[in-house]
Each structure stands twice: as C-alpha cells, then as structure tokens.
Amino acid sequence: MTELERLAQRAGEVRARFAAFERASYGSEWSVQELLLGLMTDVGDLAAAVQRIEGRRPSSGTSEDRAALEHELADCLWVLLVVAERYEIDLSQAFSTAMDGLVEWLGDQER
C-alpha cells in the first residue's frame, strides 16, 4: 500500500465517523457539495494561516501559526481524498497525469 493509499484509507475511516455524527445530529450526512463548501472554508483558513506566517495578518509569533498551517493543509487534503474516493478517482494517477500535462505545457512555453 502506498502512502497516499494509506492516507486515503484513513481519510475514509474518519469520514465514516463524521457521516455517522451528521446522521445522528442532522438526520443525514453531508453531500459532496457540502463537503466542498467545507473545503472552501478550509482554504480560507489556510490562506489566513499563510498570511499570519508571512506577516500580512496579526500573528502570535509562536509555533501556533505553524500548527494552524499544518492543520489547514491536512483539512484540505482530507476533503480532497474523500471526494476522490467518493468518485473512485485514482488520485495518484490523476496527479501524475496532471503533472505530466503541466511539464509538457511548460516545455511548449520554453520553446
């Protein structure tokens, strides 16, 4: 099992626990659209964490800023892994294909 597969499996396990919580609390689990709305919030939190580290927002100047950055990156990755699993996307292959396309495009730009 690759590291990404291990992460995806863990993401799925945590998602299953959240789904149970959502059913108990709200009567149904979040849809993919709702997960993506959550991702948008996480991306905003990620941007704010980067701004604090870069000195563009008030910062505590402590390791809390770094911990917040790590947490938000992990939150974003979690949602992406969950969505990929939901749609049976091989994220390793998709990433590889996307990077190959970018390298090809960059090669064309350099000519």
C-alpha atoms as a PDB file:
ATOM      1  CA  MET A   1       0.000   0.000   0.000  1.00  0.00           C
ATOM      2  CA  THR A   2       1.393   3.393  -0.974  1.00  0.00           C
ATOM      3  CA  GLU A   3       1.496   6.299   1.460  1.00  0.00           C
ATOM      4  CA  LEU A   4      -1.271   8.057  -0.463  1.00  0.00           C
ATOM      5  CA  GLU A   5      -3.428   4.922  -0.314  1.00  0.00           C
ATOM      6  CA  ARG A   6      -2.830   4.718   3.424  1.00  0.00           C
ATOM      7  CA  LEU A   7      -3.822   8.370   3.822  1.00  0.00           C
ATOM      8  CA  ALA A   8      -6.919   7.818   1.674  1.00  0.00           C
ATOM      9  CA  GLN A   9      -7.927   4.835   3.796  1.00  0.00           C
ATOM     10  CA  ARG A  10      -7.544   6.871   6.990  1.00  0.00           C
ATOM     11  CA  ALA A  11      -9.498   9.751   5.440  1.00  0.00           C
ATOM     12  CA  GLY A  12     -12.300   7.318   4.598  1.00  0.00           C
ATOM     13  CA  GLU A  13     -12.372   5.959   8.131  1.00  0.00           C
ATOM     14  CA  VAL A  14     -12.634   9.448   9.608  1.00  0.00           C
ATOM     15  CA  ARG A  15     -15.262  10.415   7.020  1.00  0.00           C
ATOM     16  CA  ALA A  16     -17.362   7.400   8.025  1.00  0.00           C
ATOM     17  CA  ARG A  17     -17.278   8.569  11.643  1.00  0.00           C
ATOM     18  CA  PHE A  18     -18.268  12.092  10.597  1.00  0.00           C
ATOM     19  CA  ALA A  19     -21.101  10.687   8.471  1.00  0.00           C
ATOM     20  CA  ALA A  20     -22.464   8.826  11.493  1.00  0.00           C
ATOM     21  CA  PHE A  21     -22.228  12.003  13.569  1.00  0.00           C
ATOM     22  CA  GLU A  22     -24.022  14.001  10.839  1.00  0.00           C
ATOM     23  CA  ARG A  23     -26.828  11.425  10.556  1.00  0.00           C
ATOM     24  CA  ALA A  24     -27.313  11.453  14.326  1.00  0.00           C
ATOM     25  CA  SER A  25     -27.108  15.234  14.606  1.00  0.00           C
ATOM     26  CA  TYR A  26     -28.776  16.437  11.403  1.00  0.00           C
ATOM     27  CA  GLY A  27     -30.695  13.484  10.014  1.00  0.00           C
ATOM     28  CA  SER A  28     -28.415  12.970   7.013  1.00  0.00           C
ATOM     29  CA  GLU A  29     -24.781  13.023   6.097  1.00  0.00           C
ATOM     30  CA  TRP A  30     -23.150  15.828   4.162  1.00  0.00           C
ATOM     31  CA  SER A  31     -23.368  15.682   0.390  1.00  0.00           C
ATOM     32  CA  VAL A  32     -20.302  16.150  -1.797  1.00  0.00           C
ATOM     33  CA  GLN A  33     -21.446  19.724  -2.382  1.00  0.00           C
ATOM     34  CA  GLU A  34     -21.492  20.344   1.373  1.00  0.00           C
ATOM     35  CA  LEU A  35     -18.054  18.773   1.740  1.00  0.00           C
ATOM     36  CA  LEU A  36     -16.776  21.140  -0.938  1.00  0.00           C
ATOM     37  CA  LEU A  37     -18.334  24.118   0.827  1.00  0.00           C
ATOM     38  CA  GLY A  38     -16.414  22.989   3.887  1.00  0.00           C
ATOM     39  CA  LEU A  39     -13.273  22.808   1.737  1.00  0.00           C
ATOM     40  CA  MET A  40     -13.818  26.407   0.682  1.00  0.00           C
ATOM     41  CA  THR A  41     -13.875  27.407   4.356  1.00  0.00           C
ATOM     42  CA  ASP A  42     -10.724  25.364   4.965  1.00  0.00           C
ATOM     43  CA  VAL A  43      -8.971  27.059   2.018  1.00  0.00           C
ATOM     44  CA  GLY A  44      -9.860  30.451   3.504  1.00  0.00           C
ATOM     45  CA  ASP A  45      -8.455  29.348   6.856  1.00  0.00           C
ATOM     46  CA  LEU A  46      -5.343  28.091   5.040  1.00  0.00           C
ATOM     47  CA  ALA A  47      -4.892  31.463   3.324  1.00  0.00           C
ATOM     48  CA  ALA A  48      -5.238  33.267   6.667  1.00  0.00           C
ATOM     49  CA  ALA A  49      -2.651  30.953   8.255  1.00  0.00           C
ATOM     50  CA  VAL A  50      -0.191  31.684   5.437  1.00  0.00           C
ATOM     51  CA  GLN A  51      -0.838  35.416   5.793  1.00  0.00           C
ATOM     52  CA  ARG A  52      -0.056  35.216   9.525  1.00  0.00           C
ATOM     53  CA  ILE A  53       3.208  33.381   8.838  1.00  0.00           C
ATOM     54  CA  GLU A  54       4.112  35.865   6.091  1.00  0.00           C
ATOM     55  CA  GLY A  55       3.422  38.818   8.370  1.00  0.00           C
ATOM     56  CA  ARG A  56       0.340  40.017   6.486  1.00  0.00           C
ATOM     57  CA  ARG A  57      -2.059  39.379   9.381  1.00  0.00           C
ATOM     58  CA  PRO A  58      -1.635  39.700  13.119  1.00  0.00           C
ATOM     59  CA  SER A  59       0.339  36.759  14.385  1.00  0.00           C
ATOM     60  CA  SER A  60       1.008  35.250  17.753  1.00  0.00           C
ATOM     61  CA  GLY A  61       4.603  34.817  16.636  1.00  0.00           C
ATOM     62  CA  THR A  62       4.603  31.339  18.110  1.00  0.00           C
ATOM     63  CA  SER A  63       4.505  27.786  16.867  1.00  0.00           C
ATOM     64  CA  GLU A  64       0.695  28.122  16.911  1.00  0.00           C
ATOM     65  CA  ASP A  65       0.855  29.757  13.476  1.00  0.00           C
ATOM     66  CA  ARG A  66       2.821  26.828  12.070  1.00  0.00           C
ATOM     67  CA  ALA A  67       0.460  24.342  13.743  1.00  0.00           C
ATOM     68  CA  ALA A  68      -2.531  26.158  12.214  1.00  0.00           C
ATOM     69  CA  LEU A  69      -0.918  25.967   8.761  1.00  0.00           C
ATOM     70  CA  GLU A  70      -0.282  22.241   9.154  1.00  0.00           C
ATOM     71  CA  HIS A  71      -3.841  21.666  10.374  1.00  0.00           C
ATOM     72  CA  GLU A  72      -5.453  23.554   7.478  1.00  0.00           C
ATOM     73  CA  LEU A  73      -3.295  21.799   4.878  1.00  0.00           C
ATOM     74  CA  ALA A  74      -4.355  18.473   6.386  1.00  0.00           C
ATOM     75  CA  ASP A  75      -8.041  19.506   6.411  1.00  0.00           C
ATOM     76  CA  CYS A  76      -7.871  20.415   2.723  1.00  0.00           C
ATOM     77  CA  LEU A  77      -6.097  17.170   1.842  1.00  0.00           C
ATOM     78  CA  TRP A  78      -8.679  15.193   3.807  1.00  0.00           C
ATOM     79  CA  VAL A  79     -11.588  16.589   1.801  1.00  0.00           C
ATOM     80  CA  LEU A  80      -9.764  16.016  -1.497  1.00  0.00           C
ATOM     81  CA  LEU A  81      -9.055  12.411  -0.530  1.00  0.00           C
ATOM     82  CA  VAL A  82     -12.684  11.869   0.492  1.00  0.00           C
ATOM     83  CA  VAL A  83     -14.045  13.347  -2.743  1.00  0.00           C
ATOM     84  CA  ALA A  84     -11.597  11.302  -4.839  1.00  0.00           C
ATOM     85  CA  GLU A  85     -12.733   8.153  -3.052  1.00  0.00           C
ATOM     86  CA  ARG A  86     -16.401   9.041  -3.492  1.00  0.00           C
ATOM     87  CA  TYR A  87     -15.933   9.280  -7.276  1.00  0.00           C
ATOM     88  CA  GLU A  88     -13.474   6.364  -7.475  1.00  0.00           C
ATOM     89  CA  ILE A  89     -10.636   8.555  -8.702  1.00  0.00           C
ATOM     90  CA  ASP A  90      -7.127   7.140  -8.523  1.00  0.00           C
ATOM     91  CA  LEU A  91      -5.587  10.301  -7.130  1.00  0.00           C
ATOM     92  CA  SER A  92      -2.017   9.072  -7.648  1.00  0.00           C
ATOM     93  CA  GLN A  93      -2.697   8.511 -11.330  1.00  0.00           C
ATOM     94  CA  ALA A  94      -4.658  11.740 -11.704  1.00  0.00           C
ATOM     95  CA  PHE A  95      -1.833  13.695 -10.055  1.00  0.00           C
ATOM     96  CA  SER A  96       0.775  12.058 -12.259  1.00  0.00           C
ATOM     97  CA  THR A  97      -1.239  12.787 -15.391  1.00  0.00           C
ATOM     98  CA  ALA A  98      -1.806  16.403 -14.367  1.00  0.00           C
ATOM     99  CA  MET A  99       1.900  16.936 -13.615  1.00  0.00           C
ATOM    100  CA  ASP A 100       2.868  15.350 -16.948  1.00  0.00           C
ATOM    101  CA  GLY A 101       0.498  17.780 -18.669  1.00  0.00           C
ATOM    102  CA  LEU A 102       1.993  20.756 -16.833  1.00  0.00           C
ATOM    103  CA  VAL A 103       5.544  19.680 -17.705  1.00  0.00           C
ATOM    104  CA  GLU A 104       4.522  19.314 -21.349  1.00  0.00           C
ATOM    105  CA  TRP A 105       2.858  22.740 -21.334  1.00  0.00           C
ATOM    106  CA  LEU A 106       5.917  24.329 -19.707  1.00  0.00           C
ATOM    107  CA  GLY A 107       8.122  22.688 -22.333  1.00  0.00           C
ATOM    108  CA  ASP A 108       5.987  24.243 -25.047  1.00  0.00           C
ATOM    109  CA  GLN A 109       6.285  27.657 -23.365  1.00  0.00           C
ATOM    110  CA  GLU A 110      10.070  27.422 -23.220  1.00  0.00           C
ATOM    111  CA  ARG A 111      10.401  26.944 -26.978  1.00  0.00           C
END
